[in-house]
């Protein structure tokens, strides 16, 4: 039975929203009630320190959008802004202890959610789905911090 072509992108989007909405809900229960997917991506883009321009380039968003997101994360206590030791005119965003706690918790939550999905469809099928999606999207996959993806200490930093 063939489905219309628009079904696949809608299912992919719904899958993304289902897993990230649940992760954000669980983070809220664990002391991080204001998290949104965009904030998680920005926290990953900051890595061990990045300018707002670098965050914007990494995420493929405007400097204005990156500034707004970084400033919100500063207000929430997840990031701080300091002068670059090499260039006082340049400001660098870095993760705070609260930001690291959120990333640590989100890494655990995403592992739990993957396990729950594997219980529903089987580990082999879930692994195959991830492999197939990786093959289909290739270099377009959002790569921020390697396999840890949403954890604090990824390999690409």
N, C-alpha and C. Protein backbone atom coordinates (compact mmCIF):
# COMPACT_ATOMS: atom_id res chain seq x y z
N UNK A 1 0.84 -1.17 0.00
CA UNK A 1 0.00 0.00 0.00
C UNK A 1 0.89 1.24 0.00
N UNK A 2 0.79 2.02 -1.02
CA UNK A 2 1.60 3.22 -1.16
C UNK A 2 0.89 4.41 -0.52
N UNK A 3 1.65 5.20 0.20
CA UNK A 3 1.10 6.40 0.84
C UNK A 3 1.48 7.62 0.02
N UNK A 4 0.70 8.68 0.13
CA UNK A 4 1.08 9.93 -0.55
C UNK A 4 2.44 10.42 -0.06
N UNK A 5 3.18 11.08 -0.91
CA UNK A 5 4.53 11.54 -0.59
C UNK A 5 4.62 12.46 0.60
N UNK A 6 3.56 13.19 0.89
CA UNK A 6 3.63 14.14 2.00
C UNK A 6 3.54 13.46 3.37
N UNK A 7 3.19 12.18 3.41
CA UNK A 7 3.04 11.50 4.69
C UNK A 7 4.39 11.35 5.40
N UNK A 8 5.44 11.00 4.66
CA UNK A 8 6.75 10.78 5.28
C UNK A 8 7.25 12.01 6.03
N UNK A 9 7.30 13.19 5.41
CA UNK A 9 7.80 14.34 6.18
C UNK A 9 6.92 14.66 7.39
N UNK A 10 5.61 14.43 7.27
CA UNK A 10 4.74 14.69 8.42
C UNK A 10 5.02 13.70 9.55
N UNK A 11 5.27 12.44 9.21
CA UNK A 11 5.60 11.45 10.24
C UNK A 11 6.96 11.76 10.88
N UNK A 12 7.93 12.16 10.08
CA UNK A 12 9.25 12.51 10.63
C UNK A 12 9.13 13.69 11.58
N UNK A 13 8.38 14.70 11.19
CA UNK A 13 8.17 15.87 12.05
C UNK A 13 7.44 15.47 13.33
N UNK A 14 6.40 14.65 13.19
CA UNK A 14 5.64 14.21 14.37
C UNK A 14 6.53 13.39 15.31
N UNK A 15 7.42 12.56 14.75
CA UNK A 15 8.34 11.79 15.58
C UNK A 15 9.29 12.70 16.34
N UNK A 16 9.83 13.69 15.66
CA UNK A 16 10.71 14.67 16.30
C UNK A 16 9.97 15.38 17.43
N UNK A 17 8.77 15.86 17.14
CA UNK A 17 8.00 16.57 18.16
C UNK A 17 7.63 15.67 19.33
N UNK A 18 7.28 14.43 19.05
CA UNK A 18 6.90 13.51 20.13
C UNK A 18 8.07 13.28 21.09
N UNK A 19 9.23 13.03 20.55
CA UNK A 19 10.37 12.72 21.42
C UNK A 19 10.90 13.97 22.12
N UNK A 20 10.95 15.10 21.43
CA UNK A 20 11.46 16.31 22.08
C UNK A 20 10.46 16.90 23.06
N UNK A 21 9.16 16.82 22.74
CA UNK A 21 8.16 17.31 23.69
C UNK A 21 8.21 16.50 24.98
N UNK A 22 8.36 15.18 24.86
CA UNK A 22 8.44 14.34 26.06
C UNK A 22 9.74 14.62 26.82
N UNK A 23 10.83 14.80 26.11
CA UNK A 23 12.10 15.12 26.78
C UNK A 23 11.97 16.44 27.54
N UNK A 24 11.38 17.43 26.91
CA UNK A 24 11.22 18.73 27.58
C UNK A 24 10.27 18.63 28.77
N UNK A 25 9.23 17.80 28.66
CA UNK A 25 8.31 17.60 29.78
C UNK A 25 9.07 16.99 30.97
N UNK A 26 9.88 15.97 30.69
CA UNK A 26 10.64 15.32 31.76
C UNK A 26 11.69 16.25 32.35
N UNK A 27 12.31 17.06 31.50
CA UNK A 27 13.26 18.05 32.02
C UNK A 27 12.55 19.01 32.96
N UNK A 28 11.34 19.40 32.60
CA UNK A 28 10.55 20.28 33.46
C UNK A 28 10.32 19.68 34.83
N UNK A 29 10.05 18.38 34.86
CA UNK A 29 9.86 17.68 36.14
C UNK A 29 11.15 17.62 36.95
N UNK A 30 12.27 17.75 36.29
CA UNK A 30 13.57 17.64 36.96
C UNK A 30 14.23 19.01 37.20
N UNK A 31 13.42 20.06 37.19
CA UNK A 31 13.95 21.37 37.54
C UNK A 31 14.31 22.28 36.38
N UNK A 32 13.96 21.88 35.18
CA UNK A 32 14.25 22.70 33.99
C UNK A 32 12.97 22.93 33.20
N UNK A 33 12.05 23.72 33.75
CA UNK A 33 10.71 23.84 33.17
C UNK A 33 10.60 24.67 31.89
N UNK A 34 11.60 25.43 31.56
CA UNK A 34 11.49 26.34 30.42
C UNK A 34 12.20 25.85 29.16
N UNK A 35 12.59 24.60 29.14
CA UNK A 35 13.36 24.12 27.98
C UNK A 35 12.47 23.95 26.75
N UNK A 36 13.09 24.28 25.63
CA UNK A 36 12.49 24.10 24.31
C UNK A 36 13.56 23.48 23.43
N UNK A 37 13.14 22.86 22.35
CA UNK A 37 14.10 22.21 21.45
C UNK A 37 15.15 23.19 20.97
N UNK A 38 14.74 24.39 20.61
CA UNK A 38 15.69 25.39 20.10
C UNK A 38 16.77 25.69 21.14
N UNK A 39 16.39 25.69 22.41
CA UNK A 39 17.37 25.96 23.46
C UNK A 39 18.39 24.82 23.55
N UNK A 40 17.91 23.60 23.42
CA UNK A 40 18.83 22.45 23.46
C UNK A 40 19.83 22.50 22.32
N UNK A 41 19.35 22.84 21.12
CA UNK A 41 20.27 22.95 19.98
C UNK A 41 21.27 24.08 20.22
N UNK A 42 20.82 25.19 20.75
CA UNK A 42 21.73 26.31 21.01
C UNK A 42 22.76 25.94 22.07
N UNK A 43 22.34 25.22 23.10
CA UNK A 43 23.29 24.79 24.13
C UNK A 43 24.36 23.89 23.53
N UNK A 44 23.98 23.04 22.60
CA UNK A 44 24.95 22.19 21.93
C UNK A 44 25.88 23.02 21.05
N UNK A 45 25.33 24.01 20.35
CA UNK A 45 26.13 24.85 19.47
C UNK A 45 27.16 25.67 20.25
N UNK A 46 26.84 26.03 21.48
CA UNK A 46 27.78 26.78 22.31
C UNK A 46 29.00 25.92 22.63
N UNK A 47 28.78 24.62 22.82
CA UNK A 47 29.90 23.74 23.14
C UNK A 47 30.63 24.23 24.37
N UNK A 48 31.93 24.29 24.29
CA UNK A 48 32.74 24.77 25.43
C UNK A 48 32.96 26.28 25.38
N UNK A 49 32.30 26.92 24.43
CA UNK A 49 32.39 28.37 24.31
C UNK A 49 32.27 28.79 22.86
N UNK A 50 31.41 29.77 22.60
CA UNK A 50 31.21 30.24 21.22
C UNK A 50 30.64 31.65 21.25
N UNK A 51 30.95 32.40 20.22
CA UNK A 51 30.33 33.71 20.06
C UNK A 51 28.91 33.51 19.54
N UNK A 52 28.10 34.54 19.66
CA UNK A 52 26.73 34.47 19.15
C UNK A 52 26.75 34.21 17.64
N UNK A 53 27.69 34.84 16.93
CA UNK A 53 27.79 34.62 15.48
C UNK A 53 28.09 33.15 15.17
N UNK A 54 28.98 32.54 15.96
CA UNK A 54 29.30 31.13 15.76
C UNK A 54 28.09 30.25 16.04
N UNK A 55 27.33 30.58 17.07
CA UNK A 55 26.11 29.82 17.37
C UNK A 55 25.15 29.91 16.18
N UNK A 56 24.97 31.11 15.67
CA UNK A 56 24.09 31.30 14.51
C UNK A 56 24.54 30.51 13.30
N UNK A 57 25.84 30.54 13.01
CA UNK A 57 26.36 29.78 11.86
C UNK A 57 26.17 28.28 12.05
N UNK A 58 26.45 27.79 13.24
CA UNK A 58 26.30 26.36 13.52
C UNK A 58 24.86 25.91 13.32
N UNK A 59 23.92 26.73 13.77
CA UNK A 59 22.51 26.37 13.69
C UNK A 59 21.86 26.78 12.38
N UNK A 60 22.55 27.58 11.58
CA UNK A 60 21.97 28.05 10.32
C UNK A 60 20.86 29.06 10.53
N UNK A 61 21.03 29.91 11.56
CA UNK A 61 20.04 30.95 11.84
C UNK A 61 20.74 32.31 11.82
N UNK A 62 19.95 33.37 11.78
CA UNK A 62 20.51 34.72 11.75
C UNK A 62 21.19 35.06 13.07
N UNK A 63 22.08 36.04 13.01
CA UNK A 63 22.74 36.51 14.23
C UNK A 63 21.70 37.05 15.21
N UNK A 64 20.66 37.71 14.67
CA UNK A 64 19.61 38.26 15.52
C UNK A 64 18.86 37.14 16.27
N UNK A 65 18.54 36.06 15.56
CA UNK A 65 17.85 34.93 16.20
C UNK A 65 18.76 34.27 17.22
N UNK A 66 20.04 34.12 16.88
CA UNK A 66 20.99 33.53 17.82
C UNK A 66 21.14 34.40 19.06
N UNK A 67 21.21 35.71 18.87
CA UNK A 67 21.32 36.63 20.00
C UNK A 67 20.12 36.49 20.93
N UNK A 68 18.93 36.45 20.36
CA UNK A 68 17.72 36.32 21.17
C UNK A 68 17.74 35.02 21.97
N UNK A 69 18.12 33.92 21.32
CA UNK A 69 18.15 32.62 22.00
C UNK A 69 19.22 32.59 23.09
N UNK A 70 20.42 33.06 22.76
CA UNK A 70 21.50 33.07 23.75
C UNK A 70 21.12 33.95 24.94
N UNK A 71 20.56 35.12 24.67
CA UNK A 71 20.16 36.01 25.77
C UNK A 71 19.11 35.36 26.66
N UNK A 72 18.18 34.64 26.06
CA UNK A 72 17.15 33.94 26.86
C UNK A 72 17.81 32.86 27.73
N UNK A 73 18.78 32.14 27.17
CA UNK A 73 19.47 31.11 27.95
C UNK A 73 20.31 31.71 29.07
N UNK A 74 20.84 32.92 28.85
CA UNK A 74 21.54 33.64 29.92
C UNK A 74 20.53 34.00 31.02
N UNK A 75 19.37 34.54 30.62
CA UNK A 75 18.33 34.91 31.58
C UNK A 75 17.86 33.71 32.42
N UNK A 76 17.82 32.52 31.80
CA UNK A 76 17.38 31.31 32.48
C UNK A 76 18.49 30.66 33.32
N UNK A 77 19.71 31.20 33.19
CA UNK A 77 20.83 30.68 33.98
C UNK A 77 21.58 29.52 33.36
N UNK A 78 21.36 29.25 32.07
CA UNK A 78 22.02 28.13 31.40
C UNK A 78 23.35 28.52 30.75
N UNK A 79 23.49 29.78 30.41
CA UNK A 79 24.71 30.29 29.79
C UNK A 79 25.15 31.55 30.52
N UNK A 80 26.42 31.89 30.33
CA UNK A 80 26.93 33.20 30.77
C UNK A 80 27.72 33.77 29.60
N UNK A 81 27.87 35.08 29.61
CA UNK A 81 28.62 35.78 28.57
C UNK A 81 29.84 36.42 29.21
N UNK A 82 31.01 36.15 28.63
CA UNK A 82 32.26 36.71 29.12
C UNK A 82 33.03 37.31 27.95
N UNK A 83 33.96 38.19 28.27
CA UNK A 83 34.85 38.72 27.25
C UNK A 83 35.82 37.63 26.82
N UNK A 84 36.12 37.59 25.54
CA UNK A 84 37.12 36.65 25.01
C UNK A 84 38.49 37.08 25.55
N UNK A 85 39.24 36.15 26.15
CA UNK A 85 40.55 36.53 26.70
C UNK A 85 41.52 37.04 25.63
N UNK A 86 41.32 36.62 24.36
CA UNK A 86 42.19 37.07 23.27
C UNK A 86 41.74 38.39 22.65
N UNK A 87 40.45 38.74 22.81
CA UNK A 87 39.91 39.94 22.17
C UNK A 87 38.74 40.44 23.03
N UNK A 88 38.98 41.47 23.83
CA UNK A 88 37.97 41.97 24.77
C UNK A 88 36.71 42.48 24.07
N UNK A 89 36.81 42.80 22.77
CA UNK A 89 35.63 43.26 22.03
C UNK A 89 34.68 42.11 21.72
N UNK A 90 35.20 40.90 21.73
CA UNK A 90 34.43 39.72 21.38
C UNK A 90 33.86 39.08 22.65
N UNK A 91 32.59 38.73 22.62
CA UNK A 91 31.93 38.10 23.76
C UNK A 91 31.73 36.61 23.46
N UNK A 92 31.95 35.79 24.49
CA UNK A 92 31.85 34.34 24.35
C UNK A 92 30.78 33.82 25.31
N UNK A 93 29.87 33.01 24.79
CA UNK A 93 28.88 32.34 25.62
C UNK A 93 29.47 31.01 26.08
N UNK A 94 29.30 30.71 27.36
CA UNK A 94 29.73 29.42 27.91
C UNK A 94 28.62 28.87 28.79
N UNK A 95 28.64 27.57 28.96
CA UNK A 95 27.63 26.89 29.77
C UNK A 95 27.90 27.10 31.26
N UNK A 96 26.83 27.28 32.00
CA UNK A 96 26.92 27.37 33.46
C UNK A 96 26.73 25.97 34.05
N UNK A 97 26.87 25.87 35.37
CA UNK A 97 26.59 24.59 36.04
C UNK A 97 25.15 24.16 35.77
N UNK A 98 24.23 25.12 35.81
CA UNK A 98 22.82 24.80 35.53
C UNK A 98 22.67 24.28 34.10
N UNK A 99 23.38 24.90 33.18
CA UNK A 99 23.34 24.43 31.79
C UNK A 99 23.89 23.03 31.64
N UNK A 100 24.98 22.75 32.33
CA UNK A 100 25.56 21.40 32.29
C UNK A 100 24.62 20.38 32.92
N UNK A 101 23.95 20.77 34.00
CA UNK A 101 22.99 19.87 34.64
C UNK A 101 21.86 19.53 33.67
N UNK A 102 21.35 20.53 32.97
CA UNK A 102 20.28 20.29 32.01
C UNK A 102 20.75 19.34 30.91
N UNK A 103 21.97 19.55 30.41
CA UNK A 103 22.48 18.68 29.35
C UNK A 103 22.71 17.26 29.85
N UNK A 104 23.23 17.12 31.05
CA UNK A 104 23.41 15.79 31.63
C UNK A 104 22.07 15.07 31.74
N UNK A 105 21.08 15.79 32.26
CA UNK A 105 19.75 15.18 32.42
C UNK A 105 19.12 14.86 31.06
N UNK A 106 19.28 15.75 30.09
CA UNK A 106 18.68 15.49 28.78
C UNK A 106 19.32 14.28 28.10
N UNK A 107 20.62 14.08 28.30
CA UNK A 107 21.29 12.91 27.73
C UNK A 107 20.66 11.63 28.27
N UNK A 108 20.42 11.59 29.57
CA UNK A 108 19.80 10.42 30.20
C UNK A 108 18.38 10.24 29.68
N UNK A 109 17.64 11.33 29.61
CA UNK A 109 16.25 11.27 29.15
C UNK A 109 16.17 10.76 27.72
N UNK A 110 17.03 11.26 26.83
CA UNK A 110 16.98 10.80 25.44
C UNK A 110 17.33 9.31 25.34
N UNK A 111 18.24 8.83 26.18
CA UNK A 111 18.52 7.39 26.20
C UNK A 111 17.30 6.61 26.67
N UNK A 112 16.62 7.11 27.70
CA UNK A 112 15.42 6.45 28.19
C UNK A 112 14.34 6.41 27.11
N UNK A 113 14.17 7.53 26.41
CA UNK A 113 13.15 7.58 25.35
C UNK A 113 13.48 6.63 24.21
N UNK A 114 14.75 6.55 23.85
CA UNK A 114 15.15 5.61 22.80
C UNK A 114 14.86 4.18 23.25
N UNK A 115 15.14 3.88 24.51
CA UNK A 115 14.83 2.54 25.03
C UNK A 115 13.33 2.27 25.00
N UNK A 116 12.54 3.28 25.34
CA UNK A 116 11.08 3.11 25.31
C UNK A 116 10.59 2.87 23.88
N UNK A 117 11.13 3.62 22.93
CA UNK A 117 10.74 3.40 21.53
C UNK A 117 11.18 2.01 21.09
N UNK A 118 12.36 1.57 21.51
CA UNK A 118 12.85 0.23 21.16
C UNK A 118 11.95 -0.85 21.75
N UNK A 119 11.41 -0.61 22.93
CA UNK A 119 10.47 -1.56 23.53
C UNK A 119 9.21 -1.68 22.67
N UNK A 120 8.80 -0.57 22.09
CA UNK A 120 7.59 -0.56 21.27
C UNK A 120 7.79 -1.24 19.92
N UNK A 121 8.89 -0.91 19.22
CA UNK A 121 9.07 -1.45 17.87
C UNK A 121 10.20 -2.46 17.75
N UNK A 122 10.97 -2.63 18.81
CA UNK A 122 12.10 -3.55 18.80
C UNK A 122 13.40 -2.80 18.56
N UNK A 123 14.45 -3.20 19.29
CA UNK A 123 15.76 -2.52 19.18
C UNK A 123 16.30 -2.62 17.77
N UNK A 124 16.19 -3.79 17.15
CA UNK A 124 16.73 -3.97 15.80
C UNK A 124 16.05 -3.02 14.82
N UNK A 125 14.74 -2.89 14.91
CA UNK A 125 14.01 -2.00 14.00
C UNK A 125 14.37 -0.54 14.26
N UNK A 126 14.51 -0.16 15.52
CA UNK A 126 14.88 1.22 15.83
C UNK A 126 16.29 1.53 15.33
N UNK A 127 17.22 0.61 15.56
CA UNK A 127 18.58 0.80 15.05
C UNK A 127 18.57 0.90 13.52
N UNK A 128 17.77 0.06 12.87
CA UNK A 128 17.68 0.09 11.41
C UNK A 128 17.08 1.42 10.93
N UNK A 129 16.08 1.91 11.64
CA UNK A 129 15.47 3.20 11.30
C UNK A 129 16.52 4.31 11.38
N UNK A 130 17.30 4.33 12.45
CA UNK A 130 18.36 5.34 12.59
C UNK A 130 19.39 5.20 11.47
N UNK A 131 19.77 3.97 11.16
CA UNK A 131 20.74 3.74 10.07
C UNK A 131 20.18 4.22 8.74
N UNK A 132 18.92 3.88 8.48
CA UNK A 132 18.29 4.27 7.22
C UNK A 132 18.18 5.79 7.10
N UNK A 133 17.77 6.43 8.17
CA UNK A 133 17.67 7.90 8.14
C UNK A 133 19.04 8.53 7.95
N UNK A 134 20.06 7.98 8.60
CA UNK A 134 21.43 8.49 8.41
C UNK A 134 21.86 8.36 6.95
N UNK A 135 21.54 7.26 6.33
CA UNK A 135 21.88 7.06 4.91
C UNK A 135 21.14 8.04 4.03
N UNK A 136 19.89 8.30 4.34
CA UNK A 136 19.07 9.18 3.51
C UNK A 136 19.47 10.64 3.64
N UNK A 137 19.80 11.10 4.85
CA UNK A 137 20.10 12.52 5.03
C UNK A 137 21.57 12.83 4.85
N UNK A 138 22.45 11.84 5.01
CA UNK A 138 23.88 12.05 4.77
C UNK A 138 24.43 13.22 5.53
N UNK A 139 25.13 14.10 4.82
CA UNK A 139 25.79 15.25 5.42
C UNK A 139 24.82 16.31 5.94
N UNK A 140 23.55 16.16 5.61
CA UNK A 140 22.58 17.15 6.08
C UNK A 140 22.17 16.93 7.53
N UNK A 141 22.59 15.80 8.09
CA UNK A 141 22.27 15.53 9.49
C UNK A 141 22.88 16.61 10.37
N UNK A 142 22.14 17.06 11.34
CA UNK A 142 22.63 18.07 12.26
C UNK A 142 23.66 17.43 13.18
N UNK A 143 24.91 17.87 13.04
CA UNK A 143 25.99 17.30 13.84
C UNK A 143 26.50 18.39 14.77
N UNK A 144 26.23 18.21 16.04
CA UNK A 144 26.71 19.19 16.99
C UNK A 144 27.77 18.61 17.90
N UNK A 145 27.47 17.54 18.57
CA UNK A 145 28.45 16.96 19.48
C UNK A 145 28.49 15.45 19.36
N UNK A 146 28.55 14.97 18.16
CA UNK A 146 28.75 13.55 17.93
C UNK A 146 27.66 12.68 18.50
N UNK A 147 27.99 11.46 18.86
CA UNK A 147 27.03 10.46 19.33
C UNK A 147 26.32 10.94 20.59
N UNK A 148 27.01 11.67 21.44
CA UNK A 148 26.37 12.15 22.66
C UNK A 148 25.26 13.15 22.35
N UNK A 149 25.34 13.77 21.18
CA UNK A 149 24.28 14.63 20.68
C UNK A 149 23.71 15.63 21.64
N UNK A 150 23.04 15.17 22.66
CA UNK A 150 22.42 16.08 23.60
C UNK A 150 23.05 15.98 24.97
N UNK A 151 24.27 15.50 25.02
CA UNK A 151 24.98 15.41 26.29
C UNK A 151 26.00 16.52 26.41
N UNK A 152 26.60 16.67 27.55
CA UNK A 152 27.51 17.79 27.78
C UNK A 152 28.89 17.63 27.17
N UNK A 153 29.36 16.43 26.99
CA UNK A 153 30.75 16.24 26.57
C UNK A 153 30.81 15.45 25.29
N UNK A 154 30.55 16.06 24.16
CA UNK A 154 30.58 15.36 22.89
C UNK A 154 31.97 15.37 22.27
N UNK A 155 32.12 14.60 21.24
CA UNK A 155 33.44 14.43 20.62
C UNK A 155 33.82 15.54 19.67
N UNK A 156 32.86 16.29 19.17
CA UNK A 156 33.17 17.29 18.14
C UNK A 156 33.55 18.65 18.71
N UNK A 157 33.48 18.80 19.99
CA UNK A 157 33.75 20.10 20.60
C UNK A 157 35.21 20.43 20.61
